[in-house]
PDB file of N, CA and C in Angstrom:
ATOM      1  N   MET A   1     144.667  80.055 116.076  1.00  0.00           N
ATOM      2  CA  MET A   1     145.981  79.748 115.485  1.00  0.00           C
ATOM      3  C   MET A   1     147.010  79.318 116.438  1.00  0.00           C
ATOM      4  N   ARG A   2     147.718  78.294 116.132  1.00  0.00           N
ATOM      5  CA  ARG A   2     148.681  77.885 117.179  1.00  0.00           C
ATOM      6  C   ARG A   2     150.033  78.623 116.958  1.00  0.00           C
ATOM      7  N   PRO A   3     150.730  78.840 118.098  1.00  0.00           N
ATOM      8  CA  PRO A   3     151.967  79.413 118.049  1.00  0.00           C
ATOM      9  C   PRO A   3     153.013  78.601 117.381  1.00  0.00           C
ATOM     10  N   GLY A   4     153.973  79.189 116.822  1.00  0.00           N
ATOM     11  CA  GLY A   4     154.988  78.476 116.051  1.00  0.00           C
ATOM     12  C   GLY A   4     156.014  77.972 117.133  1.00  0.00           C
ATOM     13  N   ALA A   5     156.888  77.127 116.661  1.00  0.00           N
ATOM     14  CA  ALA A   5     157.906  76.476 117.485  1.00  0.00           C
ATOM     15  C   ALA A   5     158.770  77.514 118.252  1.00  0.00           C
ATOM     16  N   SER A   6     159.165  78.616 117.444  1.00  0.00           N
ATOM     17  CA  SER A   6     160.067  79.533 118.069  1.00  0.00           C
ATOM     18  C   SER A   6     159.332  80.385 119.110  1.00  0.00           C
ATOM     19  N   GLU A   7     158.009  80.628 118.953  1.00  0.00           N
ATOM     20  CA  GLU A   7     157.253  81.242 120.044  1.00  0.00           C
ATOM     21  C   GLU A   7     157.154  80.385 121.225  1.00  0.00           C
ATOM     22  N   LEU A   8     156.855  79.227 121.058  1.00  0.00           N
ATOM     23  CA  LEU A   8     156.768  78.272 122.168  1.00  0.00           C
ATOM     24  C   LEU A   8     158.097  78.146 122.935  1.00  0.00           C
ATOM     25  N   GLN A   9     159.259  78.080 122.233  1.00  0.00           N
ATOM     26  CA  GLN A   9     160.539  78.056 122.861  1.00  0.00           C
ATOM     27  C   GLN A   9     160.737  79.323 123.684  1.00  0.00           C
ATOM     28  N   GLY A  10     160.388  80.463 123.159  1.00  0.00           N
ATOM     29  CA  GLY A  10     160.476  81.695 123.911  1.00  0.00           C
ATOM     30  C   GLY A  10     159.744  81.805 125.069  1.00  0.00           C
ATOM     31  N   ARG A  11     158.614  81.141 125.142  1.00  0.00           N
ATOM     32  CA  ARG A  11     157.721  81.090 126.283  1.00  0.00           C
ATOM     33  C   ARG A  11     158.299  80.235 127.299  1.00  0.00           C
ATOM     34  N   VAL A  12     158.809  79.187 126.886  1.00  0.00           N
ATOM     35  CA  VAL A  12     159.494  78.045 127.801  1.00  0.00           C
ATOM     36  C   VAL A  12     160.709  78.793 128.454  1.00  0.00           C
ATOM     37  N   ARG A  13     161.563  79.499 127.717  1.00  0.00           N
ATOM     38  CA  ARG A  13     162.723  80.185 128.218  1.00  0.00           C
ATOM     39  C   ARG A  13     162.397  81.399 129.057  1.00  0.00           C
ATOM     40  N   GLY A  14     160.980  81.756 129.093  1.00  0.00           N
ATOM     41  CA  GLY A  14     160.666  82.867 129.834  1.00  0.00           C
ATOM     42  C   GLY A  14     160.776  84.275 129.065  1.00  0.00           C
ATOM     43  N   GLU A  15     161.012  84.240 127.765  1.00  0.00           N
ATOM     44  CA  GLU A  15     161.046  85.553 127.048  1.00  0.00           C
ATOM     45  C   GLU A  15     159.649  86.140 126.899  1.00  0.00           C
ATOM     46  N   ASP A  16     159.597  87.311 126.978  1.00  0.00           N
ATOM     47  CA  ASP A  16     158.318  87.992 126.686  1.00  0.00           C
ATOM     48  C   ASP A  16     158.181  88.245 125.189  1.00  0.00           C
ATOM     49  N   PRO A  17     157.032  87.622 124.596  1.00  0.00           N
ATOM     50  CA  PRO A  17     156.837  87.717 123.189  1.00  0.00           C
ATOM     51  C   PRO A  17     156.638  89.114 122.766  1.00  0.00           C
ATOM     52  N   VAL A  18     156.319  90.128 123.575  1.00  0.00           N
ATOM     53  CA  VAL A  18     156.171  91.521 123.185  1.00  0.00           C
ATOM     54  C   VAL A  18     157.489  92.081 122.883  1.00  0.00           C
ATOM     55  N   THR A  19     158.409  91.910 123.712  1.00  0.00           N
ATOM     56  CA  THR A  19     159.722  92.523 123.592  1.00  0.00           C
ATOM     57  C   THR A  19     160.719  91.734 122.670  1.00  0.00           C
ATOM     58  N   SER A  20     160.421  90.316 122.477  1.00  0.00           N
ATOM     59  CA  SER A  20     161.325  89.544 121.754  1.00  0.00           C
ATOM     60  C   SER A  20     161.028  89.564 120.345  1.00  0.00           C
ATOM     61  N   GLY A  21     159.882  90.252 119.857  1.00  0.00           N
ATOM     62  CA  GLY A  21     159.504  90.376 118.480  1.00  0.00           C
ATOM     63  C   GLY A  21     158.629  89.202 117.833  1.00  0.00           C
ATOM     64  N   ALA A  22     158.213  88.267 118.736  1.00  0.00           N
ATOM     65  CA  ALA A  22     157.552  87.093 118.233  1.00  0.00           C
ATOM     66  C   ALA A  22     156.146  87.501 117.635  1.00  0.00           C
ATOM     67  N   LYS A  23     155.478  88.439 118.246  1.00  0.00           N
ATOM     68  CA  LYS A  23     154.058  88.750 117.867  1.00  0.00           C
ATOM     69  C   LYS A  23     154.032  89.718 116.712  1.00  0.00           C
ATOM     70  N   ARG A  24     153.263  89.563 115.727  1.00  0.00           N
ATOM     71  CA  ARG A  24     153.049  90.467 114.661  1.00  0.00           C
ATOM     72  C   ARG A  24     151.971  91.442 114.922  1.00  0.00           C
ATOM     73  N   LEU A  25     150.900  91.107 115.591  1.00  0.00           N
ATOM     74  CA  LEU A  25     149.828  91.949 115.881  1.00  0.00           C
ATOM     75  C   LEU A  25     149.822  92.050 117.469  1.00  0.00           C
ATOM     76  N   LEU A  26     149.801  93.362 117.963  1.00  0.00           N
ATOM     77  CA  LEU A  26     149.951  93.614 119.348  1.00  0.00           C
ATOM     78  C   LEU A  26     148.511  94.128 119.883  1.00  0.00           C
ATOM     79  N   SER A  27     148.200  93.801 121.102  1.00  0.00           N
ATOM     80  CA  SER A  27     147.096  94.400 121.788  1.00  0.00           C
ATOM     81  C   SER A  27     147.385  95.927 122.062  1.00  0.00           C
ATOM     82  N   VAL A  28     146.364  96.627 122.365  1.00  0.00           N
ATOM     83  CA  VAL A  28     146.566  98.055 122.680  1.00  0.00           C
ATOM     84  C   VAL A  28     147.472  98.192 123.813  1.00  0.00           C
ATOM     85  N   GLU A  29     147.387  97.205 124.850  1.00  0.00           N
ATOM     86  CA  GLU A  29     148.262  97.296 126.046  1.00  0.00           C
ATOM     87  C   GLU A  29     149.749  97.087 125.593  1.00  0.00           C
ATOM     88  N   GLU A  30     149.967  96.067 124.737  1.00  0.00           N
ATOM     89  CA  GLU A  30     151.332  95.724 124.340  1.00  0.00           C
ATOM     90  C   GLU A  30     151.907  96.978 123.495  1.00  0.00           C
ATOM     91  N   ALA A  31     151.064  97.531 122.654  1.00  0.00           N
ATOM     92  CA  ALA A  31     151.503  98.691 121.885  1.00  0.00           C
ATOM     93  C   ALA A  31     151.843  99.794 122.759  1.00  0.00           C
ATOM     94  N   ALA A  32     151.021 100.175 123.732  1.00  0.00           N
ATOM     95  CA  ALA A  32     151.380 101.122 124.532  1.00  0.00           C
ATOM     96  C   ALA A  32     152.628 100.987 125.299  1.00  0.00           C
ATOM     97  N   GLU A  33     152.882  99.786 125.596  1.00  0.00           N
ATOM     98  CA  GLU A  33     154.196  99.544 126.299  1.00  0.00           C
ATOM     99  C   GLU A  33     155.418  99.777 125.352  1.00  0.00           C
ATOM    100  N   LEU A  34     155.201  99.454 124.096  1.00  0.00           N
ATOM    101  CA  LEU A  34     156.374  99.773 123.109  1.00  0.00           C
ATOM    102  C   LEU A  34     156.486 101.154 122.921  1.00  0.00           C
ATOM    103  N   LEU A  35     155.419 101.948 122.894  1.00  0.00           N
ATOM    104  CA  LEU A  35     155.348 103.349 122.540  1.00  0.00           C
ATOM    105  C   LEU A  35     155.581 104.224 123.876  1.00  0.00           C
ATOM    106  N   ASP A  36     155.836 103.555 125.027  1.00  0.00           N
ATOM    107  CA  ASP A  36     156.153 104.145 126.245  1.00  0.00           C
ATOM    108  C   ASP A  36     155.073 105.172 126.631  1.00  0.00           C
ATOM    109  N   THR A  37     153.882 104.704 126.489  1.00  0.00           N
ATOM    110  CA  THR A  37     152.685 105.607 126.900  1.00  0.00           C
ATOM    111  C   THR A  37     151.720 104.728 127.652  1.00  0.00           C
ATOM    112  N   SER A  38     150.687 105.321 128.204  1.00  0.00           N
ATOM    113  CA  SER A  38     149.671 104.552 128.885  1.00  0.00           C
ATOM    114  C   SER A  38     148.643 103.990 127.852  1.00  0.00           C
ATOM    115  N   ARG A  39     148.023 102.816 128.450  1.00  0.00           N
ATOM    116  CA  ARG A  39     146.984 102.268 127.719  1.00  0.00           C
ATOM    117  C   ARG A  39     145.902 103.249 127.478  1.00  0.00           C
ATOM    118  N   ALA A  40     145.541 104.008 128.507  1.00  0.00           N
ATOM    119  CA  ALA A  40     144.461 104.973 128.426  1.00  0.00           C
ATOM    120  C   ALA A  40     144.701 106.058 127.364  1.00  0.00           C
ATOM    121  N   THR A  41     145.902 106.610 127.323  1.00  0.00           N
ATOM    122  CA  THR A  41     146.280 107.458 126.304  1.00  0.00           C
ATOM    123  C   THR A  41     146.137 106.925 124.781  1.00  0.00           C
ATOM    124  N   LEU A  42     146.557 105.733 124.668  1.00  0.00           N
ATOM    125  CA  LEU A  42     146.409 105.110 123.317  1.00  0.00           C
ATOM    126  C   LEU A  42     144.864 104.927 123.030  1.00  0.00           C
ATOM    127  N   TYR A  43     144.048 104.480 123.918  1.00  0.00           N
ATOM    128  CA  TYR A  43     142.668 104.328 123.659  1.00  0.00           C
ATOM    129  C   TYR A  43     141.977 105.733 123.303  1.00  0.00           C
ATOM    130  N   ARG A  44     142.448 106.702 124.034  1.00  0.00           N
ATOM    131  CA  ARG A  44     141.879 108.130 123.709  1.00  0.00           C
ATOM    132  C   ARG A  44     142.242 108.419 122.240  1.00  0.00           C
ATOM    133  N   ALA A  45     143.540 108.229 121.967  1.00  0.00           N
ATOM    134  CA  ALA A  45     143.953 108.557 120.541  1.00  0.00           C
ATOM    135  C   ALA A  45     143.163 107.731 119.460  1.00  0.00           C
ATOM    136  N   ILE A  46     142.907 106.481 119.767  1.00  0.00           N
ATOM    137  CA  ILE A  46     142.042 105.647 118.962  1.00  0.00           C
ATOM    138  C   ILE A  46     140.692 106.321 118.784  1.00  0.00           C
ATOM    139  N   LYS A  47     140.087 106.593 119.955  1.00  0.00           N
ATOM    140  CA  LYS A  47     138.763 107.083 119.914  1.00  0.00           C
ATOM    141  C   LYS A  47     138.590 108.405 119.207  1.00  0.00           C
ATOM    142  N   ARG A  48     139.581 109.291 119.222  1.00  0.00           N
ATOM    143  CA  ARG A  48     139.612 110.565 118.652  1.00  0.00           C
ATOM    144  C   ARG A  48     139.840 110.470 117.090  1.00  0.00           C
ATOM    145  N   GLY A  49     140.526 109.258 116.696  1.00  0.00           N
ATOM    146  CA  GLY A  49     140.838 108.964 115.306  1.00  0.00           C
ATOM    147  C   GLY A  49     142.179 109.544 114.928  1.00  0.00           C
ATOM    148  N   ASP A  50     142.971 109.931 115.786  1.00  0.00           N
ATOM    149  CA  ASP A  50     144.294 110.558 115.471  1.00  0.00           C
ATOM    150  C   ASP A  50     145.513 109.611 115.816  1.00  0.00           C
ATOM    151  N   LEU A  51     145.275 108.295 115.923  1.00  0.00           N
ATOM    152  CA  LEU A  51     146.405 107.464 116.071  1.00  0.00           C
ATOM    153  C   LEU A  51     146.924 107.172 114.738  1.00  0.00           C
ATOM    154  N   PRO A  52     148.271 107.441 114.462  1.00  0.00           N
ATOM    155  CA  PRO A  52     148.847 107.239 113.160  1.00  0.00           C
ATOM    156  C   PRO A  52     149.283 105.884 112.890  1.00  0.00           C
ATOM    157  N   LEU A  53     148.455 104.899 113.231  1.00  0.00           N
ATOM    158  CA  LEU A  53     148.830 103.541 113.048  1.00  0.00           C
ATOM    159  C   LEU A  53     147.596 102.728 112.540  1.00  0.00           C
ATOM    160  N   PRO A  54     147.848 101.709 111.762  1.00  0.00           N
ATOM    161  CA  PRO A  54     146.750 100.968 111.231  1.00  0.00           C
ATOM    162  C   PRO A  54     146.087 100.045 112.399  1.00  0.00           C
ATOM    163  N   LEU A  55     144.919  99.817 112.460  1.00  0.00           N
ATOM    164  CA  LEU A  55     144.165  99.178 113.416  1.00  0.00           C
ATOM    165  C   LEU A  55     143.500  97.964 112.772  1.00  0.00           C
ATOM    166  N   PHE A  56     143.412  96.830 113.505  1.00  0.00           N
ATOM    167  CA  PHE A  56     142.661  95.659 113.068  1.00  0.00           C
ATOM    168  C   PHE A  56     141.673  95.434 114.129  1.00  0.00           C
ATOM    169  N   THR A  57     140.433  95.102 113.810  1.00  0.00           N
ATOM    170  CA  THR A  57     139.512  94.587 114.814  1.00  0.00           C
ATOM    171  C   THR A  57     139.212  93.244 114.541  1.00  0.00           C
ATOM    172  N   ILE A  58     139.602  92.375 115.597  1.00  0.00           N
ATOM    173  CA  ILE A  58     139.472  90.891 115.463  1.00  0.00           C
ATOM    174  C   ILE A  58     138.448  90.590 116.580  1.00  0.00           C
ATOM    175  N   GLY A  59     137.246  90.259 116.158  1.00  0.00           N
ATOM    176  CA  GLY A  59     136.122  90.075 117.173  1.00  0.00           C
ATOM    177  C   GLY A  59     135.785  91.503 117.772  1.00  0.00           C
ATOM    178  N   ARG A  60     136.006  91.663 119.025  1.00  0.00           N
ATOM    179  CA  ARG A  60     135.864  92.925 119.679  1.00  0.00           C
ATOM    180  C   ARG A  60     137.184  93.584 120.085  1.00  0.00           C
ATOM    181  N   ARG A  61     138.229  92.848 119.706  1.00  0.00           N
ATOM    182  CA  ARG A  61     139.561  93.145 120.199  1.00  0.00           C
ATOM    183  C   ARG A  61     140.336  94.042 119.096  1.00  0.00           C
ATOM    184  N   LEU A  62     141.086  95.108 119.486  1.00  0.00           N
ATOM    185  CA  LEU A  62     141.841  95.842 118.538  1.00  0.00           C
ATOM    186  C   LEU A  62     143.241  95.298 118.555  1.00  0.00           C
ATOM    187  N   ARG A  63     143.805  95.295 117.406  1.00  0.00           N
ATOM    188  CA  ARG A  63     145.247  94.813 117.178  1.00  0.00           C
ATOM    189  C   ARG A  63     146.002  95.721 116.325  1.00  0.00           C
ATOM    190  N   ILE A  64     147.123  96.008 116.668  1.00  0.00           N
ATOM    191  CA  ILE A  64     148.104  96.967 115.977  1.00  0.00           C
ATOM    192  C   ILE A  64     149.297  96.248 115.489  1.00  0.00           C
ATOM    193  N   PRO A  65     149.620  96.366 114.172  1.00  0.00           N
ATOM    194  CA  PRO A  65     150.819  95.709 113.651  1.00  0.00           C
ATOM    195  C   PRO A  65     152.080  96.212 114.364  1.00  0.00           C
ATOM    196  N   ARG A  66     152.822  95.302 114.838  1.00  0.00           N
ATOM    197  CA  ARG A  66     154.217  95.525 115.377  1.00  0.00           C
ATOM    198  C   ARG A  66     155.130  96.311 114.338  1.00  0.00           C
ATOM    199  N   ALA A  67     155.123  95.865 113.167  1.00  0.00           N
ATOM    200  CA  ALA A  67     155.938  96.604 112.229  1.00  0.00           C
ATOM    201  C   ALA A  67     155.614  98.049 112.026  1.00  0.00           C
ATOM    202  N   ALA A  68     154.332  98.411 112.127  1.00  0.00           N
ATOM    203  CA  ALA A  68     153.925  99.704 112.019  1.00  0.00           C
ATOM    204  C   ALA A  68     154.488 100.615 113.044  1.00  0.00           C
ATOM    205  N   ILE A  69     154.446 100.001 114.393  1.00  0.00           N
ATOM    206  CA  ILE A  69     154.876 100.649 115.459  1.00  0.00           C
ATOM    207  C   ILE A  69     156.386 100.853 115.374  1.00  0.00           C
ATOM    208  N   GLU A  70     157.115  99.960 114.944  1.00  0.00           N
ATOM    209  CA  GLU A  70     158.575  99.982 114.846  1.00  0.00           C
ATOM    210  C   GLU A  70     158.918 100.973 113.747  1.00  0.00           C
ATOM    211  N   ARG A  71     158.220 101.084 112.673  1.00  0.00           N
ATOM    212  CA  ARG A  71     158.377 102.110 111.682  1.00  0.00           C
ATOM    213  C   ARG A  71     158.320 103.464 112.345  1.00  0.00           C
ATOM    214  N   VAL A  72     157.211 103.729 113.055  1.00  0.00           N
ATOM    215  CA  VAL A  72     156.930 105.108 113.739  1.00  0.00           C
ATOM    216  C   VAL A  72     158.096 105.304 114.665  1.00  0.00           C
ATOM    217  N   LEU A  73     158.566 104.440 115.443  1.00  0.00           N
ATOM    218  CA  LEU A  73     159.611 104.639 116.400  1.00  0.00           C
ATOM    219  C   LEU A  73     160.967 104.994 115.642  1.00  0.00           C
ATOM    220  N   ASP A  74     161.073 104.517 114.416  1.00  0.00           N
ATOM    221  CA  ASP A  74     162.230 104.767 113.613  1.00  0.00           C
ATOM    222  C   ASP A  74     162.101 106.121 112.854  1.00  0.00           C
ATOM    223  N   GLY A  75     161.026 106.812 113.075  1.00  0.00           N
ATOM    224  CA  GLY A  75     160.776 108.088 112.346  1.00  0.00           C
ATOM    225  C   GLY A  75     160.276 107.916 110.906  1.00  0.00           C
ATOM    226  N   GLN A  76     159.641 106.768 110.578  1.00  0.00           N
ATOM    227  CA  GLN A  76     159.072 106.507 109.267  1.00  0.00           C
ATOM    228  C   GLN A  76     157.636 106.668 109.241  1.00  0.00           C
ATOM    229  N   SER A  77     157.031 106.681 108.102  1.00  0.00           N
ATOM    230  CA  SER A  77     155.574 106.452 108.029  1.00  0.00           C
ATOM    231  C   SER A  77     155.130 105.067 108.456  1.00  0.00           C
ATOM    232  N   PRO A  78     154.047 104.981 109.171  1.00  0.00           N
ATOM    233  CA  PRO A  78     153.570 103.609 109.608  1.00  0.00           C
ATOM    234  C   PRO A  78     153.144 102.670 108.565  1.00  0.00           C
ATOM    235  N   SER A  79     152.915 103.315 107.329  1.00  0.00           N
ATOM    236  CA  SER A  79     152.261 102.459 106.259  1.00  0.00           C
ATOM    237  C   SER A  79     153.274 102.061 105.108  1.00  0.00           C
ATOM    238  N   THR A  80     154.573 102.475 105.393  1.00  0.00           N
ATOM    239  CA  THR A  80     155.543 102.354 104.265  1.00  0.00           C
ATOM    240  C   THR A  80     155.919 100.947 104.178  1.00  0.00           C
TER     241      THR A  80
END
């Protein structure tokens, strides 16, 4: 999938798509950054099955919806 024009402009300006809100699905590493935790901690929670966020597997890669993370950070249910 090709990035939209706004994503490309953000990259040209040097904005980080993780913090600028451009990406809808985040890697575990990007999600860990937003949640202020380590990548290893997030992977452990995924392995134990106690991560309160929806996960998508695309190929062999895990993706977490940005909106779900933002809802959790706002104190809401991730699936609302």
